[in-house]
């Protein structure tokens, strides 16, 4: 994934995006961890979540993670957020209620 971000930047792409699911769709890398790795290996690539399933996450920890990515990649983070909902088992695994 990181080498893909580096290659995308080298090829002139403007942005790289990650999806967010706990267990429903592959790949199963954590979205914010993946963006962090891409942030430290790229210099201009805009990095985005498309979309982060915020109700399945702790809001305070998520805010801290996003602030950390923004610190590593100033001005390059785009934060897309959604509610999810297509997989009830995923909500249960996250300990969230639907």
PDB file of N, CA and C in Angstrom:
ATOM      1  N   UNK A   1       0.823  -1.173   0.000  1.00  0.00           N
ATOM      2  CA  UNK A   1       0.000   0.000   0.000  1.00  0.00           C
ATOM      3  C   UNK A   1       0.876   1.249   0.000  1.00  0.00           C
ATOM      4  N   UNK A   2       1.897   1.249   0.831  1.00  0.00           N
ATOM      5  CA  UNK A   2       2.775   2.420   0.901  1.00  0.00           C
ATOM      6  C   UNK A   2       3.518   2.609  -0.422  1.00  0.00           C
ATOM      7  N   UNK A   3       4.034   1.538  -0.972  1.00  0.00           N
ATOM      8  CA  UNK A   3       4.733   1.650  -2.258  1.00  0.00           C
ATOM      9  C   UNK A   3       3.780   2.116  -3.349  1.00  0.00           C
ATOM     10  N   UNK A   4       2.521   1.733  -3.249  1.00  0.00           N
ATOM     11  CA  UNK A   4       1.522   2.214  -4.196  1.00  0.00           C
ATOM     12  C   UNK A   4       1.323   3.717  -4.089  1.00  0.00           C
ATOM     13  N   UNK A   5       1.322   4.239  -2.872  1.00  0.00           N
ATOM     14  CA  UNK A   5       1.191   5.683  -2.667  1.00  0.00           C
ATOM     15  C   UNK A   5       2.401   6.417  -3.231  1.00  0.00           C
ATOM     16  N   UNK A   6       3.579   5.883  -2.989  1.00  0.00           N
ATOM     17  CA  UNK A   6       4.805   6.491  -3.522  1.00  0.00           C
ATOM     18  C   UNK A   6       4.771   6.480  -5.050  1.00  0.00           C
ATOM     19  N   UNK A   7       4.396   5.359  -5.632  1.00  0.00           N
ATOM     20  CA  UNK A   7       4.306   5.254  -7.090  1.00  0.00           C
ATOM     21  C   UNK A   7       3.259   6.219  -7.644  1.00  0.00           C
ATOM     22  N   UNK A   8       2.123   6.317  -6.999  1.00  0.00           N
ATOM     23  CA  UNK A   8       1.079   7.246  -7.446  1.00  0.00           C
ATOM     24  C   UNK A   8       1.609   8.673  -7.491  1.00  0.00           C
ATOM     25  N   UNK A   9       2.355   9.048  -6.443  1.00  0.00           N
ATOM     26  CA  UNK A   9       2.935  10.389  -6.413  1.00  0.00           C
ATOM     27  C   UNK A   9       3.950  10.571  -7.540  1.00  0.00           C
ATOM     28  N   UNK A  10       4.804   9.568  -7.744  1.00  0.00           N
ATOM     29  CA  UNK A  10       5.806   9.641  -8.810  1.00  0.00           C
ATOM     30  C   UNK A  10       5.164   9.752 -10.188  1.00  0.00           C
ATOM     31  N   UNK A  11       4.002   9.119 -10.373  1.00  0.00           N
ATOM     32  CA  UNK A  11       3.310   9.138 -11.656  1.00  0.00           C
ATOM     33  C   UNK A  11       2.456  10.391 -11.852  1.00  0.00           C
ATOM     34  N   UNK A  12       2.419  11.255 -10.839  1.00  0.00           N
ATOM     35  CA  UNK A  12       1.706  12.508 -10.973  1.00  0.00           C
ATOM     36  C   UNK A  12       0.262  12.509 -10.500  1.00  0.00           C
ATOM     37  N   UNK A  13      -0.170  11.444  -9.825  1.00  0.00           N
ATOM     38  CA  UNK A  13      -1.526  11.439  -9.290  1.00  0.00           C
ATOM     39  C   UNK A  13      -1.656  12.519  -8.217  1.00  0.00           C
ATOM     40  N   UNK A  14      -2.842  13.062  -8.083  1.00  0.00           N
ATOM     41  CA  UNK A  14      -3.094  14.121  -7.114  1.00  0.00           C
ATOM     42  C   UNK A  14      -3.413  13.596  -5.722  1.00  0.00           C
ATOM     43  N   UNK A  15      -4.062  12.436  -5.639  1.00  0.00           N
ATOM     44  CA  UNK A  15      -4.545  11.984  -4.334  1.00  0.00           C
ATOM     45  C   UNK A  15      -4.575  10.472  -4.237  1.00  0.00           C
ATOM     46  N   UNK A  16      -4.633  10.015  -2.993  1.00  0.00           N
ATOM     47  CA  UNK A  16      -4.792   8.602  -2.681  1.00  0.00           C
ATOM     48  C   UNK A  16      -5.857   8.470  -1.603  1.00  0.00           C
ATOM     49  N   UNK A  17      -6.725   7.486  -1.744  1.00  0.00           N
ATOM     50  CA  UNK A  17      -7.879   7.353  -0.867  1.00  0.00           C
ATOM     51  C   UNK A  17      -7.941   5.965  -0.249  1.00  0.00           C
ATOM     52  N   UNK A  18      -8.469   5.897   0.964  1.00  0.00           N
ATOM     53  CA  UNK A  18      -8.688   4.620   1.638  1.00  0.00           C
ATOM     54  C   UNK A  18     -10.146   4.525   2.067  1.00  0.00           C
ATOM     55  N   UNK A  19     -10.657   3.308   2.031  1.00  0.00           N
ATOM     56  CA  UNK A  19     -11.983   3.026   2.569  1.00  0.00           C
ATOM     57  C   UNK A  19     -11.851   2.574   4.015  1.00  0.00           C
ATOM     58  N   UNK A  20     -12.969   2.357   4.659  1.00  0.00           N
ATOM     59  CA  UNK A  20     -12.938   2.003   6.078  1.00  0.00           C
ATOM     60  C   UNK A  20     -13.993   0.956   6.390  1.00  0.00           C
ATOM     61  N   UNK A  21     -13.527  -0.233   6.681  1.00  0.00           N
ATOM     62  CA  UNK A  21     -14.413  -1.281   7.195  1.00  0.00           C
ATOM     63  C   UNK A  21     -13.629  -2.080   8.220  1.00  0.00           C
ATOM     64  N   UNK A  22     -14.323  -2.530   9.228  1.00  0.00           N
ATOM     65  CA  UNK A  22     -13.695  -3.340  10.265  1.00  0.00           C
ATOM     66  C   UNK A  22     -13.453  -4.759   9.771  1.00  0.00           C
ATOM     67  N   UNK A  23     -14.436  -5.333   9.101  1.00  0.00           N
ATOM     68  CA  UNK A  23     -14.274  -6.721   8.671  1.00  0.00           C
ATOM     69  C   UNK A  23     -15.047  -7.067   7.415  1.00  0.00           C
ATOM     70  N   UNK A  24     -15.676  -6.107   6.777  1.00  0.00           N
ATOM     71  CA  UNK A  24     -16.622  -6.401   5.708  1.00  0.00           C
ATOM     72  C   UNK A  24     -15.975  -6.536   4.341  1.00  0.00           C
ATOM     73  N   UNK A  25     -15.220  -5.546   3.905  1.00  0.00           N
ATOM     74  CA  UNK A  25     -14.607  -5.552   2.575  1.00  0.00           C
ATOM     75  C   UNK A  25     -13.084  -5.564   2.690  1.00  0.00           C
ATOM     76  N   UNK A  26     -12.403  -6.373   1.890  1.00  0.00           N
ATOM     77  CA  UNK A  26     -10.938  -6.282   1.870  1.00  0.00           C
ATOM     78  C   UNK A  26     -10.493  -5.056   1.081  1.00  0.00           C
ATOM     79  N   UNK A  27      -9.296  -4.532   1.197  1.00  0.00           N
ATOM     80  CA  UNK A  27      -8.309  -4.998   2.172  1.00  0.00           C
ATOM     81  C   UNK A  27      -8.670  -4.531   3.575  1.00  0.00           C
ATOM     82  N   UNK A  28      -8.154  -5.234   4.535  1.00  0.00           N
ATOM     83  CA  UNK A  28      -8.538  -4.970   5.912  1.00  0.00           C
ATOM     84  C   UNK A  28      -7.512  -4.162   6.688  1.00  0.00           C
ATOM     85  N   UNK A  29      -6.700  -3.389   6.004  1.00  0.00           N
ATOM     86  CA  UNK A  29      -5.806  -2.471   6.706  1.00  0.00           C
ATOM     87  C   UNK A  29      -6.652  -1.393   7.368  1.00  0.00           C
ATOM     88  N   UNK A  30      -6.236  -0.952   8.543  1.00  0.00           N
ATOM     89  CA  UNK A  30      -6.913   0.168   9.175  1.00  0.00           C
ATOM     90  C   UNK A  30      -6.680   1.412   8.335  1.00  0.00           C
ATOM     91  N   UNK A  31      -7.747   2.137   8.050  1.00  0.00           N
ATOM     92  CA  UNK A  31      -7.670   3.290   7.151  1.00  0.00           C
ATOM     93  C   UNK A  31      -6.698   4.363   7.640  1.00  0.00           C
ATOM     94  N   UNK A  32      -6.777   4.714   8.906  1.00  0.00           N
ATOM     95  CA  UNK A  32      -5.933   5.809   9.402  1.00  0.00           C
ATOM     96  C   UNK A  32      -4.475   5.383   9.557  1.00  0.00           C
ATOM     97  N   UNK A  33      -4.241   4.133   9.883  1.00  0.00           N
ATOM     98  CA  UNK A  33      -2.867   3.635   9.934  1.00  0.00           C
ATOM     99  C   UNK A  33      -2.256   3.639   8.534  1.00  0.00           C
ATOM    100  N   UNK A  34      -3.045   3.228   7.549  1.00  0.00           N
ATOM    101  CA  UNK A  34      -2.559   3.228   6.165  1.00  0.00           C
ATOM    102  C   UNK A  34      -2.239   4.652   5.701  1.00  0.00           C
ATOM    103  N   UNK A  35      -3.103   5.606   6.039  1.00  0.00           N
ATOM    104  CA  UNK A  35      -2.827   6.995   5.651  1.00  0.00           C
ATOM    105  C   UNK A  35      -1.594   7.541   6.349  1.00  0.00           C
ATOM    106  N   UNK A  36      -1.379   7.139   7.592  1.00  0.00           N
ATOM    107  CA  UNK A  36      -0.184   7.572   8.312  1.00  0.00           C
ATOM    108  C   UNK A  36       1.075   7.093   7.595  1.00  0.00           C
ATOM    109  N   UNK A  37       1.071   5.824   7.203  1.00  0.00           N
ATOM    110  CA  UNK A  37       2.225   5.282   6.485  1.00  0.00           C
ATOM    111  C   UNK A  37       2.454   6.026   5.171  1.00  0.00           C
ATOM    112  N   UNK A  38       1.387   6.302   4.447  1.00  0.00           N
ATOM    113  CA  UNK A  38       1.519   7.035   3.194  1.00  0.00           C
ATOM    114  C   UNK A  38       1.991   8.469   3.438  1.00  0.00           C
ATOM    115  N   UNK A  39       1.543   9.062   4.532  1.00  0.00           N
ATOM    116  CA  UNK A  39       1.916  10.455   4.840  1.00  0.00           C
ATOM    117  C   UNK A  39       3.417  10.614   5.026  1.00  0.00           C
ATOM    118  N   UNK A  40       4.050   9.643   5.668  1.00  0.00           N
ATOM    119  CA  UNK A  40       5.481   9.789   5.945  1.00  0.00           C
ATOM    120  C   UNK A  40       6.359   9.432   4.741  1.00  0.00           C
ATOM    121  N   UNK A  41       5.774   8.804   3.723  1.00  0.00           N
ATOM    122  CA  UNK A  41       6.554   8.417   2.548  1.00  0.00           C
ATOM    123  C   UNK A  41       6.274   9.272   1.317  1.00  0.00           C
ATOM    124  N   UNK A  42       5.304  10.188   1.406  1.00  0.00           N
ATOM    125  CA  UNK A  42       4.986  11.049   0.275  1.00  0.00           C
ATOM    126  C   UNK A  42       5.132  12.503   0.691  1.00  0.00           C
ATOM    127  N   UNK A  43       5.211  13.383  -0.308  1.00  0.00           N
ATOM    128  CA  UNK A  43       5.413  14.801  -0.012  1.00  0.00           C
ATOM    129  C   UNK A  43       4.285  15.702  -0.491  1.00  0.00           C
ATOM    130  N   UNK A  44       3.566  15.305  -1.546  1.00  0.00           N
ATOM    131  CA  UNK A  44       2.539  16.190  -2.079  1.00  0.00           C
ATOM    132  C   UNK A  44       1.196  15.501  -2.279  1.00  0.00           C
ATOM    133  N   UNK A  45       1.176  14.181  -2.227  1.00  0.00           N
ATOM    134  CA  UNK A  45      -0.051  13.423  -2.453  1.00  0.00           C
ATOM    135  C   UNK A  45      -1.096  13.777  -1.398  1.00  0.00           C
ATOM    136  N   UNK A  46      -2.276  14.211  -1.856  1.00  0.00           N
ATOM    137  CA  UNK A  46      -3.382  14.461  -0.937  1.00  0.00           C
ATOM    138  C   UNK A  46      -3.912  13.104  -0.485  1.00  0.00           C
ATOM    139  N   UNK A  47      -4.181  12.974   0.799  1.00  0.00           N
ATOM    140  CA  UNK A  47      -4.590  11.695   1.383  1.00  0.00           C
ATOM    141  C   UNK A  47      -5.994  11.826   1.942  1.00  0.00           C
ATOM    142  N   UNK A  48      -6.869  10.876   1.577  1.00  0.00           N
ATOM    143  CA  UNK A  48      -8.257  11.018   1.998  1.00  0.00           C
ATOM    144  C   UNK A  48      -8.900   9.734   2.464  1.00  0.00           C
ATOM    145  N   UNK A  49      -9.922   9.907   3.284  1.00  0.00           N
ATOM    146  CA  UNK A  49     -10.783   8.797   3.689  1.00  0.00           C
ATOM    147  C   UNK A  49     -12.057   8.897   2.879  1.00  0.00           C
ATOM    148  N   UNK A  50     -12.433   7.801   2.288  1.00  0.00           N
ATOM    149  CA  UNK A  50     -13.629   7.833   1.456  1.00  0.00           C
ATOM    150  C   UNK A  50     -14.509   6.606   1.666  1.00  0.00           C
ATOM    151  N   UNK A  51     -15.201   6.480   2.703  1.00  0.00           N
ATOM    152  CA  UNK A  51     -15.398   7.351   3.850  1.00  0.00           C
ATOM    153  C   UNK A  51     -15.051   6.606   5.130  1.00  0.00           C
ATOM    154  N   UNK A  52     -14.753   7.362   6.189  1.00  0.00           N
ATOM    155  CA  UNK A  52     -14.480   6.777   7.497  1.00  0.00           C
ATOM    156  C   UNK A  52     -15.814   6.530   8.202  1.00  0.00           C
ATOM    157  N   UNK A  53     -15.967   5.337   8.749  1.00  0.00           N
ATOM    158  CA  UNK A  53     -17.224   4.975   9.425  1.00  0.00           C
ATOM    159  C   UNK A  53     -17.165   5.441  10.873  1.00  0.00           C
ATOM    160  N   UNK A  54     -17.410   6.700  11.064  1.00  0.00           N
ATOM    161  CA  UNK A  54     -17.220   7.357  12.352  1.00  0.00           C
ATOM    162  C   UNK A  54     -18.032   6.755  13.500  1.00  0.00           C
ATOM    163  N   UNK A  55     -19.293   6.343  13.313  1.00  0.00           N
ATOM    164  CA  UNK A  55     -20.033   5.790  14.457  1.00  0.00           C
ATOM    165  C   UNK A  55     -19.437   4.495  15.014  1.00  0.00           C
ATOM    166  N   UNK A  56     -18.574   3.840  14.239  1.00  0.00           N
ATOM    167  CA  UNK A  56     -17.941   2.607  14.715  1.00  0.00           C
ATOM    168  C   UNK A  56     -16.624   2.881  15.427  1.00  0.00           C
ATOM    169  N   UNK A  57     -16.249   4.140  15.576  1.00  0.00           N
ATOM    170  CA  UNK A  57     -14.963   4.514  16.155  1.00  0.00           C
ATOM    171  C   UNK A  57     -15.163   5.410  17.367  1.00  0.00           C
ATOM    172  N   UNK A  58     -14.184   5.407  18.241  1.00  0.00           N
ATOM    173  CA  UNK A  58     -14.174   6.339  19.361  1.00  0.00           C
ATOM    174  C   UNK A  58     -13.820   7.716  18.811  1.00  0.00           C
ATOM    175  N   UNK A  59     -14.696   8.683  19.040  1.00  0.00           N
ATOM    176  CA  UNK A  59     -14.531  10.004  18.438  1.00  0.00           C
ATOM    177  C   UNK A  59     -13.266  10.716  18.903  1.00  0.00           C
ATOM    178  N   UNK A  60     -12.910  10.590  20.168  1.00  0.00           N
ATOM    179  CA  UNK A  60     -11.735  11.297  20.693  1.00  0.00           C
ATOM    180  C   UNK A  60     -10.454  10.714  20.108  1.00  0.00           C
ATOM    181  N   UNK A  61     -10.336   9.385  20.103  1.00  0.00           N
ATOM    182  CA  UNK A  61      -9.137   8.760  19.523  1.00  0.00           C
ATOM    183  C   UNK A  61      -9.049   9.046  18.029  1.00  0.00           C
ATOM    184  N   UNK A  62     -10.189   9.023  17.349  1.00  0.00           N
ATOM    185  CA  UNK A  62     -10.194   9.308  15.918  1.00  0.00           C
ATOM    186  C   UNK A  62      -9.725  10.729  15.648  1.00  0.00           C
ATOM    187  N   UNK A  63     -10.189  11.673  16.435  1.00  0.00           N
ATOM    188  CA  UNK A  63      -9.759  13.066  16.269  1.00  0.00           C
ATOM    189  C   UNK A  63      -8.249  13.185  16.469  1.00  0.00           C
ATOM    190  N   UNK A  64      -7.724  12.476  17.459  1.00  0.00           N
ATOM    191  CA  UNK A  64      -6.277  12.522  17.706  1.00  0.00           C
ATOM    192  C   UNK A  64      -5.504  11.898  16.541  1.00  0.00           C
ATOM    193  N   UNK A  65      -5.998  10.788  16.011  1.00  0.00           N
ATOM    194  CA  UNK A  65      -5.340  10.153  14.876  1.00  0.00           C
ATOM    195  C   UNK A  65      -5.346  11.072  13.652  1.00  0.00           C
ATOM    196  N   UNK A  66      -6.476  11.701  13.388  1.00  0.00           N
ATOM    197  CA  UNK A  66      -6.560  12.620  12.252  1.00  0.00           C
ATOM    198  C   UNK A  66      -5.643  13.822  12.433  1.00  0.00           C
ATOM    199  N   UNK A  67      -5.581  14.349  13.646  1.00  0.00           N
ATOM    200  CA  UNK A  67      -4.676  15.472  13.918  1.00  0.00           C
ATOM    201  C   UNK A  67      -3.224  15.047  13.721  1.00  0.00           C
ATOM    202  N   UNK A  68      -2.908  13.817  14.074  1.00  0.00           N
ATOM    203  CA  UNK A  68      -1.541  13.310  13.889  1.00  0.00           C
ATOM    204  C   UNK A  68      -1.199  13.210  12.406  1.00  0.00           C
ATOM    205  N   UNK A  69      -2.124  12.674  11.616  1.00  0.00           N
ATOM    206  CA  UNK A  69      -1.885  12.581  10.172  1.00  0.00           C
ATOM    207  C   UNK A  69      -1.731  13.975   9.574  1.00  0.00           C
ATOM    208  N   UNK A  70      -2.579  14.899   9.998  1.00  0.00           N
ATOM    209  CA  UNK A  70      -2.490  16.273   9.497  1.00  0.00           C
ATOM    210  C   UNK A  70      -1.157  16.913   9.866  1.00  0.00           C
ATOM    211  N   UNK A  71      -0.613  16.558  11.008  1.00  0.00           N
ATOM    212  CA  UNK A  71       0.690  17.073  11.419  1.00  0.00           C
ATOM    213  C   UNK A  71       1.808  16.498  10.543  1.00  0.00           C
ATOM    214  N   UNK A  72       1.676  15.234  10.160  1.00  0.00           N
ATOM    215  CA  UNK A  72       2.679  14.583   9.316  1.00  0.00           C
ATOM    216  C   UNK A  72       2.571  15.013   7.850  1.00  0.00           C
ATOM    217  N   UNK A  73       1.360  15.386   7.438  1.00  0.00           N
ATOM    218  CA  UNK A  73       1.105  15.761   6.047  1.00  0.00           C
ATOM    219  C   UNK A  73       0.287  17.054   6.037  1.00  0.00           C
ATOM    220  N   UNK A  74       0.898  18.157   6.460  1.00  0.00           N
ATOM    221  CA  UNK A  74       0.143  19.411   6.603  1.00  0.00           C
ATOM    222  C   UNK A  74      -0.590  19.815   5.322  1.00  0.00           C
ATOM    223  N   UNK A  75      -1.893  20.043   5.481  1.00  0.00           N
ATOM    224  CA  UNK A  75      -2.706  20.494   4.366  1.00  0.00           C
ATOM    225  C   UNK A  75      -3.039  19.432   3.334  1.00  0.00           C
ATOM    226  N   UNK A  76      -2.674  18.185   3.593  1.00  0.00           N
ATOM    227  CA  UNK A  76      -2.895  17.136   2.596  1.00  0.00           C
ATOM    228  C   UNK A  76      -3.960  16.122   2.995  1.00  0.00           C
ATOM    229  N   UNK A  77      -4.638  16.313   4.115  1.00  0.00           N
ATOM    230  CA  UNK A  77      -5.630  15.347   4.585  1.00  0.00           C
ATOM    231  C   UNK A  77      -7.035  15.820   4.245  1.00  0.00           C
ATOM    232  N   UNK A  78      -7.789  14.950   3.575  1.00  0.00           N
ATOM    233  CA  UNK A  78      -9.210  15.180   3.322  1.00  0.00           C
ATOM    234  C   UNK A  78      -9.986  14.127   4.100  1.00  0.00           C
ATOM    235  N   UNK A  79     -10.941  14.577   4.894  1.00  0.00           N
ATOM    236  CA  UNK A  79     -11.652  13.702   5.805  1.00  0.00           C
ATOM    237  C   UNK A  79     -13.090  13.518   5.345  1.00  0.00           C
ATOM    238  N   UNK A  80     -13.364  12.358   4.752  1.00  0.00           N
ATOM    239  CA  UNK A  80     -14.729  12.011   4.375  1.00  0.00           C
ATOM    240  C   UNK A  80     -15.289  11.082   5.436  1.00  0.00           C
ATOM    241  N   UNK A  81     -16.504  11.334   5.855  1.00  0.00           N
ATOM    242  CA  UNK A  81     -17.104  10.566   6.938  1.00  0.00           C
ATOM    243  C   UNK A  81     -18.486  10.078   6.527  1.00  0.00           C
ATOM    244  N   UNK A  82     -18.835   8.898   7.025  1.00  0.00           N
ATOM    245  CA  UNK A  82     -20.149   8.331   6.774  1.00  0.00           C
ATOM    246  C   UNK A  82     -20.607   7.521   7.963  1.00  0.00           C
ATOM    247  N   UNK A  83     -21.798   6.986   7.856  1.00  0.00           N
ATOM    248  CA  UNK A  83     -22.355   6.229   8.987  1.00  0.00           C
ATOM    249  C   UNK A  83     -22.294   4.732   8.778  1.00  0.00           C
ATOM    250  N   UNK A  84     -22.043   4.258   7.571  1.00  0.00           N
ATOM    251  CA  UNK A  84     -21.998   2.821   7.334  1.00  0.00           C
ATOM    252  C   UNK A  84     -23.372   2.204   7.492  1.00  0.00           C
ATOM    253  N   UNK A  85     -23.393   0.946   7.848  1.00  0.00           N
ATOM    254  CA  UNK A  85     -24.659   0.319   8.156  1.00  0.00           C
ATOM    255  C   UNK A  85     -25.029  -0.885   7.326  1.00  0.00           C
ATOM    256  N   UNK A  86     -24.269  -1.202   6.283  1.00  0.00           N
ATOM    257  CA  UNK A  86     -24.701  -2.300   5.429  1.00  0.00           C
ATOM    258  C   UNK A  86     -24.399  -3.685   5.983  1.00  0.00           C
ATOM    259  N   UNK A  87     -23.638  -3.775   7.066  1.00  0.00           N
ATOM    260  CA  UNK A  87     -23.280  -5.082   7.619  1.00  0.00           C
ATOM    261  C   UNK A  87     -23.483  -5.077   9.135  1.00  0.00           C
ATOM    262  N   UNK A  88     -24.614  -5.590   9.617  1.00  0.00           N
ATOM    263  CA  UNK A  88     -24.887  -5.587  11.058  1.00  0.00           C
ATOM    264  C   UNK A  88     -23.807  -6.284  11.888  1.00  0.00           C
ATOM    265  N   UNK A  89     -23.186  -7.315  11.347  1.00  0.00           N
ATOM    266  CA  UNK A  89     -22.131  -8.014  12.098  1.00  0.00           C
ATOM    267  C   UNK A  89     -20.941  -7.101  12.357  1.00  0.00           C
ATOM    268  N   UNK A  90     -20.675  -6.176  11.434  1.00  0.00           N
ATOM    269  CA  UNK A  90     -19.577  -5.244  11.599  1.00  0.00           C
ATOM    270  C   UNK A  90     -19.845  -4.290  12.772  1.00  0.00           C
ATOM    271  N   UNK A  91     -21.089  -3.822  12.891  1.00  0.00           N
ATOM    272  CA  UNK A  91     -21.479  -2.973  14.019  1.00  0.00           C
ATOM    273  C   UNK A  91     -21.281  -3.728  15.338  1.00  0.00           C
ATOM    274  N   UNK A  92     -21.693  -4.983  15.334  1.00  0.00           N
ATOM    275  CA  UNK A  92     -21.557  -5.799  16.552  1.00  0.00           C
ATOM    276  C   UNK A  92     -20.087  -5.999  16.909  1.00  0.00           C
ATOM    277  N   UNK A  93     -19.261  -6.280  15.919  1.00  0.00           N
ATOM    278  CA  UNK A  93     -17.820  -6.466  16.165  1.00  0.00           C
ATOM    279  C   UNK A  93     -17.178  -5.204  16.701  1.00  0.00           C
ATOM    280  N   UNK A  94     -17.682  -4.027  16.285  1.00  0.00           N
ATOM    281  CA  UNK A  94     -17.138  -2.756  16.745  1.00  0.00           C
ATOM    282  C   UNK A  94     -17.663  -2.376  18.124  1.00  0.00           C
ATOM    283  N   UNK A  95     -18.662  -3.111  18.607  1.00  0.00           N
ATOM    284  CA  UNK A  95     -19.247  -2.780  19.904  1.00  0.00           C
ATOM    285  C   UNK A  95     -20.154  -1.578  19.829  1.00  0.00           C
ATOM    286  N   UNK A  96     -20.596  -1.244  18.622  1.00  0.00           N
ATOM    287  CA  UNK A  96     -21.477  -0.091  18.420  1.00  0.00           C
ATOM    288  C   UNK A  96     -22.911  -0.577  18.221  1.00  0.00           C
ATOM    289  N   UNK A  97     -23.857   0.283  18.521  1.00  0.00           N
ATOM    290  CA  UNK A  97     -25.252  -0.069  18.296  1.00  0.00           C
ATOM    291  C   UNK A  97     -25.735   0.605  17.031  1.00  0.00           C
ATOM    292  N   UNK A  98     -26.645  -0.047  16.346  1.00  0.00           N
ATOM    293  CA  UNK A  98     -27.197   0.522  15.106  1.00  0.00           C
ATOM    294  C   UNK A  98     -28.484   1.244  15.361  1.00  0.00           C
TER     295      UNK A  98
END
